[in-house]
Amino acid sequence: MAVKIIIKRKVAKDKEAELLPILIQMRALATAQTGYISGETLRNMENSEEYLVISTWQSVDNWNVWLTNKQRAEIQEKIDSLLGEKTEYSIYLYG
């Protein structure tokens, strides 16, 4: 069953330019993963520091394989270090 992964990040204005290429790198790797369907990055109009990434996967198992991927983990460490906090993940089922 397909799942949506909701990823929340708080990005200070002075970190945006440095973060965006890293997010593009992450998305490029994700698109090549088994089970990846789609992804989008949204920015809150009322709070411009809040970013939301929504990715769709064929199954939670596909997501979990990607979550534990070594390359993804290395990029995620860069993101978390740049932002100064851990990224939040939530998994949603259709229904």
N, C-alpha and C. Protein backbone atom coordinates (compact mmCIF):
# COMPACT_ATOMS: atom_id res chain seq x y z
N MET A 1 0.84 -1.17 0.00
CA MET A 1 0.00 0.00 0.00
C MET A 1 0.89 1.24 0.00
N ALA A 2 0.57 2.22 -0.86
CA ALA A 2 1.36 3.44 -0.97
C ALA A 2 1.29 4.25 0.32
N VAL A 3 2.39 4.93 0.61
CA VAL A 3 2.47 5.79 1.80
C VAL A 3 3.01 7.15 1.39
N LYS A 4 2.62 8.13 2.20
CA LYS A 4 3.15 9.49 2.07
C LYS A 4 4.06 9.73 3.27
N ILE A 5 5.22 10.27 3.00
CA ILE A 5 6.16 10.62 4.06
C ILE A 5 6.17 12.15 4.16
N ILE A 6 5.90 12.65 5.35
CA ILE A 6 5.90 14.09 5.60
C ILE A 6 7.17 14.42 6.37
N ILE A 7 7.96 15.31 5.81
CA ILE A 7 9.23 15.70 6.40
C ILE A 7 9.18 17.19 6.69
N LYS A 8 9.38 17.56 7.96
CA LYS A 8 9.33 18.97 8.35
C LYS A 8 10.73 19.45 8.71
N ARG A 9 11.03 20.66 8.22
CA ARG A 9 12.31 21.28 8.55
C ARG A 9 12.09 22.77 8.79
N LYS A 10 12.85 23.32 9.74
CA LYS A 10 12.86 24.75 9.98
C LYS A 10 14.18 25.28 9.42
N VAL A 11 14.08 26.21 8.46
CA VAL A 11 15.26 26.69 7.74
C VAL A 11 15.38 28.20 7.92
N ALA A 12 16.41 28.62 8.63
CA ALA A 12 16.66 30.06 8.80
C ALA A 12 17.00 30.67 7.44
N LYS A 13 16.60 31.92 7.25
CA LYS A 13 16.82 32.61 5.97
C LYS A 13 18.27 32.53 5.51
N ASP A 14 19.22 32.67 6.43
CA ASP A 14 20.63 32.67 6.05
C ASP A 14 21.16 31.28 5.69
N LYS A 15 20.34 30.24 5.84
CA LYS A 15 20.75 28.88 5.52
C LYS A 15 20.12 28.36 4.22
N GLU A 16 19.12 29.07 3.70
CA GLU A 16 18.38 28.60 2.52
C GLU A 16 19.28 28.32 1.32
N ALA A 17 20.13 29.26 0.97
CA ALA A 17 20.97 29.11 -0.22
C ALA A 17 21.89 27.89 -0.11
N GLU A 18 22.34 27.61 1.08
CA GLU A 18 23.22 26.46 1.30
C GLU A 18 22.43 25.15 1.33
N LEU A 19 21.20 25.20 1.80
CA LEU A 19 20.38 23.99 1.93
C LEU A 19 19.81 23.50 0.61
N LEU A 20 19.34 24.39 -0.23
CA LEU A 20 18.62 23.97 -1.43
C LEU A 20 19.40 23.01 -2.34
N PRO A 21 20.69 23.23 -2.61
CA PRO A 21 21.43 22.25 -3.42
C PRO A 21 21.52 20.86 -2.75
N ILE A 22 21.57 20.85 -1.43
CA ILE A 22 21.62 19.57 -0.70
C ILE A 22 20.29 18.85 -0.85
N LEU A 23 19.19 19.58 -0.77
CA LEU A 23 17.86 18.97 -0.96
C LEU A 23 17.70 18.44 -2.37
N ILE A 24 18.23 19.16 -3.35
CA ILE A 24 18.17 18.70 -4.74
C ILE A 24 18.97 17.41 -4.89
N GLN A 25 20.12 17.33 -4.25
CA GLN A 25 20.94 16.12 -4.27
C GLN A 25 20.17 14.95 -3.65
N MET A 26 19.51 15.20 -2.53
CA MET A 26 18.74 14.16 -1.85
C MET A 26 17.61 13.67 -2.75
N ARG A 27 16.89 14.60 -3.37
CA ARG A 27 15.77 14.23 -4.25
C ARG A 27 16.27 13.41 -5.44
N ALA A 28 17.39 13.81 -6.02
CA ALA A 28 17.94 13.07 -7.16
C ALA A 28 18.24 11.62 -6.79
N LEU A 29 18.80 11.42 -5.62
CA LEU A 29 19.08 10.05 -5.17
C LEU A 29 17.78 9.29 -4.88
N ALA A 30 16.82 9.97 -4.28
CA ALA A 30 15.56 9.31 -3.93
C ALA A 30 14.83 8.82 -5.18
N THR A 31 14.85 9.62 -6.24
CA THR A 31 14.11 9.25 -7.44
C THR A 31 14.60 7.95 -8.07
N ALA A 32 15.83 7.58 -7.77
CA ALA A 32 16.40 6.35 -8.32
C ALA A 32 16.12 5.12 -7.44
N GLN A 33 15.45 5.31 -6.32
CA GLN A 33 15.21 4.22 -5.38
C GLN A 33 13.98 3.41 -5.75
N THR A 34 14.05 2.12 -5.52
CA THR A 34 12.91 1.24 -5.74
C THR A 34 11.74 1.70 -4.88
N GLY A 35 10.60 1.86 -5.50
CA GLY A 35 9.39 2.23 -4.77
C GLY A 35 9.11 3.70 -4.68
N TYR A 36 10.05 4.55 -5.10
CA TYR A 36 9.81 5.99 -5.07
C TYR A 36 8.80 6.35 -6.15
N ILE A 37 7.78 7.12 -5.78
CA ILE A 37 6.76 7.54 -6.75
C ILE A 37 6.90 9.02 -7.08
N SER A 38 6.92 9.87 -6.04
CA SER A 38 7.00 11.31 -6.29
C SER A 38 7.43 12.05 -5.04
N GLY A 39 7.75 13.32 -5.22
CA GLY A 39 8.09 14.16 -4.08
C GLY A 39 7.90 15.62 -4.42
N GLU A 40 7.65 16.40 -3.41
CA GLU A 40 7.52 17.84 -3.60
C GLU A 40 8.00 18.54 -2.33
N THR A 41 8.52 19.74 -2.52
CA THR A 41 8.97 20.55 -1.40
C THR A 41 8.12 21.81 -1.35
N LEU A 42 7.55 22.08 -0.19
CA LEU A 42 6.67 23.23 0.00
C LEU A 42 7.24 24.15 1.07
N ARG A 43 6.95 25.43 0.93
CA ARG A 43 7.37 26.42 1.93
C ARG A 43 6.12 27.12 2.46
N ASN A 44 6.03 27.22 3.75
CA ASN A 44 4.88 27.83 4.40
C ASN A 44 4.84 29.33 4.09
N MET A 45 3.71 29.78 3.55
CA MET A 45 3.57 31.21 3.21
C MET A 45 3.47 32.09 4.45
N GLU A 46 2.99 31.55 5.55
CA GLU A 46 2.84 32.34 6.78
C GLU A 46 4.07 32.27 7.67
N ASN A 47 4.91 31.27 7.45
CA ASN A 47 6.15 31.11 8.21
C ASN A 47 7.21 30.63 7.23
N SER A 48 7.92 31.55 6.60
CA SER A 48 8.83 31.23 5.51
C SER A 48 10.01 30.35 5.93
N GLU A 49 10.21 30.15 7.22
CA GLU A 49 11.28 29.27 7.67
C GLU A 49 10.84 27.80 7.71
N GLU A 50 9.56 27.54 7.55
CA GLU A 50 9.05 26.17 7.64
C GLU A 50 8.94 25.56 6.25
N TYR A 51 9.64 24.44 6.07
CA TYR A 51 9.59 23.68 4.82
C TYR A 51 8.94 22.34 5.09
N LEU A 52 8.19 21.88 4.11
CA LEU A 52 7.52 20.59 4.20
C LEU A 52 7.84 19.82 2.93
N VAL A 53 8.35 18.62 3.10
CA VAL A 53 8.61 17.74 1.96
C VAL A 53 7.60 16.61 2.05
N ILE A 54 6.93 16.34 0.94
CA ILE A 54 5.98 15.24 0.88
C ILE A 54 6.47 14.28 -0.19
N SER A 55 6.81 13.08 0.22
CA SER A 55 7.23 12.08 -0.77
C SER A 55 6.28 10.90 -0.71
N THR A 56 6.06 10.30 -1.86
CA THR A 56 5.16 9.17 -1.98
C THR A 56 5.97 7.94 -2.37
N TRP A 57 5.72 6.84 -1.65
CA TRP A 57 6.42 5.58 -1.86
C TRP A 57 5.41 4.46 -2.04
N GLN A 58 5.79 3.45 -2.80
CA GLN A 58 4.89 2.33 -3.04
C GLN A 58 4.55 1.57 -1.76
N SER A 59 5.49 1.56 -0.81
CA SER A 59 5.24 0.86 0.46
C SER A 59 6.12 1.45 1.55
N VAL A 60 5.74 1.18 2.78
CA VAL A 60 6.56 1.62 3.92
C VAL A 60 7.89 0.88 3.91
N ASP A 61 7.91 -0.35 3.40
CA ASP A 61 9.17 -1.08 3.29
C ASP A 61 10.14 -0.37 2.35
N ASN A 62 9.62 0.12 1.21
CA ASN A 62 10.48 0.88 0.28
C ASN A 62 11.04 2.12 0.97
N TRP A 63 10.20 2.82 1.72
CA TRP A 63 10.65 4.00 2.45
C TRP A 63 11.74 3.63 3.46
N ASN A 64 11.52 2.55 4.20
CA ASN A 64 12.48 2.15 5.22
C ASN A 64 13.83 1.78 4.63
N VAL A 65 13.83 1.17 3.46
CA VAL A 65 15.10 0.87 2.79
C VAL A 65 15.83 2.18 2.47
N TRP A 66 15.09 3.15 1.95
CA TRP A 66 15.67 4.45 1.64
C TRP A 66 16.12 5.17 2.92
N LEU A 67 15.34 5.09 3.96
CA LEU A 67 15.67 5.74 5.22
C LEU A 67 17.00 5.25 5.78
N THR A 68 17.31 3.98 5.57
CA THR A 68 18.55 3.41 6.10
C THR A 68 19.68 3.38 5.06
N ASN A 69 19.46 3.96 3.90
CA ASN A 69 20.48 4.01 2.85
C ASN A 69 21.65 4.87 3.32
N LYS A 70 22.87 4.36 3.14
CA LYS A 70 24.06 5.05 3.63
C LYS A 70 24.24 6.43 3.01
N GLN A 71 24.04 6.54 1.69
CA GLN A 71 24.18 7.85 1.02
C GLN A 71 23.16 8.84 1.56
N ARG A 72 21.91 8.38 1.75
CA ARG A 72 20.87 9.26 2.27
C ARG A 72 21.24 9.73 3.67
N ALA A 73 21.73 8.81 4.50
CA ALA A 73 22.10 9.15 5.87
C ALA A 73 23.21 10.21 5.92
N GLU A 74 24.17 10.10 5.01
CA GLU A 74 25.26 11.08 4.96
C GLU A 74 24.73 12.47 4.58
N ILE A 75 23.83 12.51 3.61
CA ILE A 75 23.25 13.79 3.21
C ILE A 75 22.38 14.34 4.33
N GLN A 76 21.63 13.46 4.98
CA GLN A 76 20.76 13.90 6.07
C GLN A 76 21.58 14.49 7.21
N GLU A 77 22.74 13.92 7.48
CA GLU A 77 23.62 14.48 8.51
C GLU A 77 24.03 15.90 8.16
N LYS A 78 24.33 16.16 6.88
CA LYS A 78 24.68 17.51 6.44
C LYS A 78 23.52 18.46 6.68
N ILE A 79 22.31 18.01 6.33
CA ILE A 79 21.13 18.84 6.50
C ILE A 79 20.91 19.17 7.97
N ASP A 80 20.92 18.16 8.81
CA ASP A 80 20.68 18.36 10.24
C ASP A 80 21.77 19.25 10.87
N SER A 81 23.01 19.06 10.44
CA SER A 81 24.11 19.89 10.95
C SER A 81 23.92 21.34 10.52
N LEU A 82 23.55 21.55 9.28
CA LEU A 82 23.34 22.90 8.77
C LEU A 82 22.20 23.60 9.51
N LEU A 83 21.12 22.85 9.77
CA LEU A 83 19.93 23.44 10.40
C LEU A 83 20.03 23.49 11.92
N GLY A 84 20.92 22.69 12.49
CA GLY A 84 21.09 22.69 13.93
C GLY A 84 20.02 21.91 14.69
N GLU A 85 19.26 21.09 13.98
CA GLU A 85 18.25 20.25 14.63
C GLU A 85 17.91 19.06 13.74
N LYS A 86 17.34 18.05 14.36
CA LYS A 86 16.96 16.84 13.64
C LYS A 86 15.72 17.09 12.79
N THR A 87 15.70 16.45 11.63
CA THR A 87 14.55 16.50 10.74
C THR A 87 13.45 15.60 11.30
N GLU A 88 12.20 16.05 11.19
CA GLU A 88 11.05 15.27 11.66
C GLU A 88 10.43 14.51 10.49
N TYR A 89 10.10 13.24 10.74
CA TYR A 89 9.45 12.39 9.73
C TYR A 89 8.14 11.85 10.28
N SER A 90 7.13 11.79 9.42
CA SER A 90 5.87 11.13 9.76
C SER A 90 5.43 10.31 8.55
N ILE A 91 4.87 9.14 8.80
CA ILE A 91 4.42 8.25 7.73
C ILE A 91 2.90 8.18 7.75
N TYR A 92 2.29 8.39 6.59
CA TYR A 92 0.83 8.37 6.46
C TYR A 92 0.40 7.35 5.42
N LEU A 93 -0.63 6.60 5.74
CA LEU A 93 -1.26 5.68 4.80
C LEU A 93 -2.41 6.39 4.11
N TYR A 94 -2.69 5.99 2.89
CA TYR A 94 -3.89 6.48 2.22
C TYR A 94 -5.10 5.85 2.90
N GLY A 95 -6.18 6.58 3.00
CA GLY A 95 -7.35 5.95 3.55
C GLY A 95 -8.22 6.91 4.21
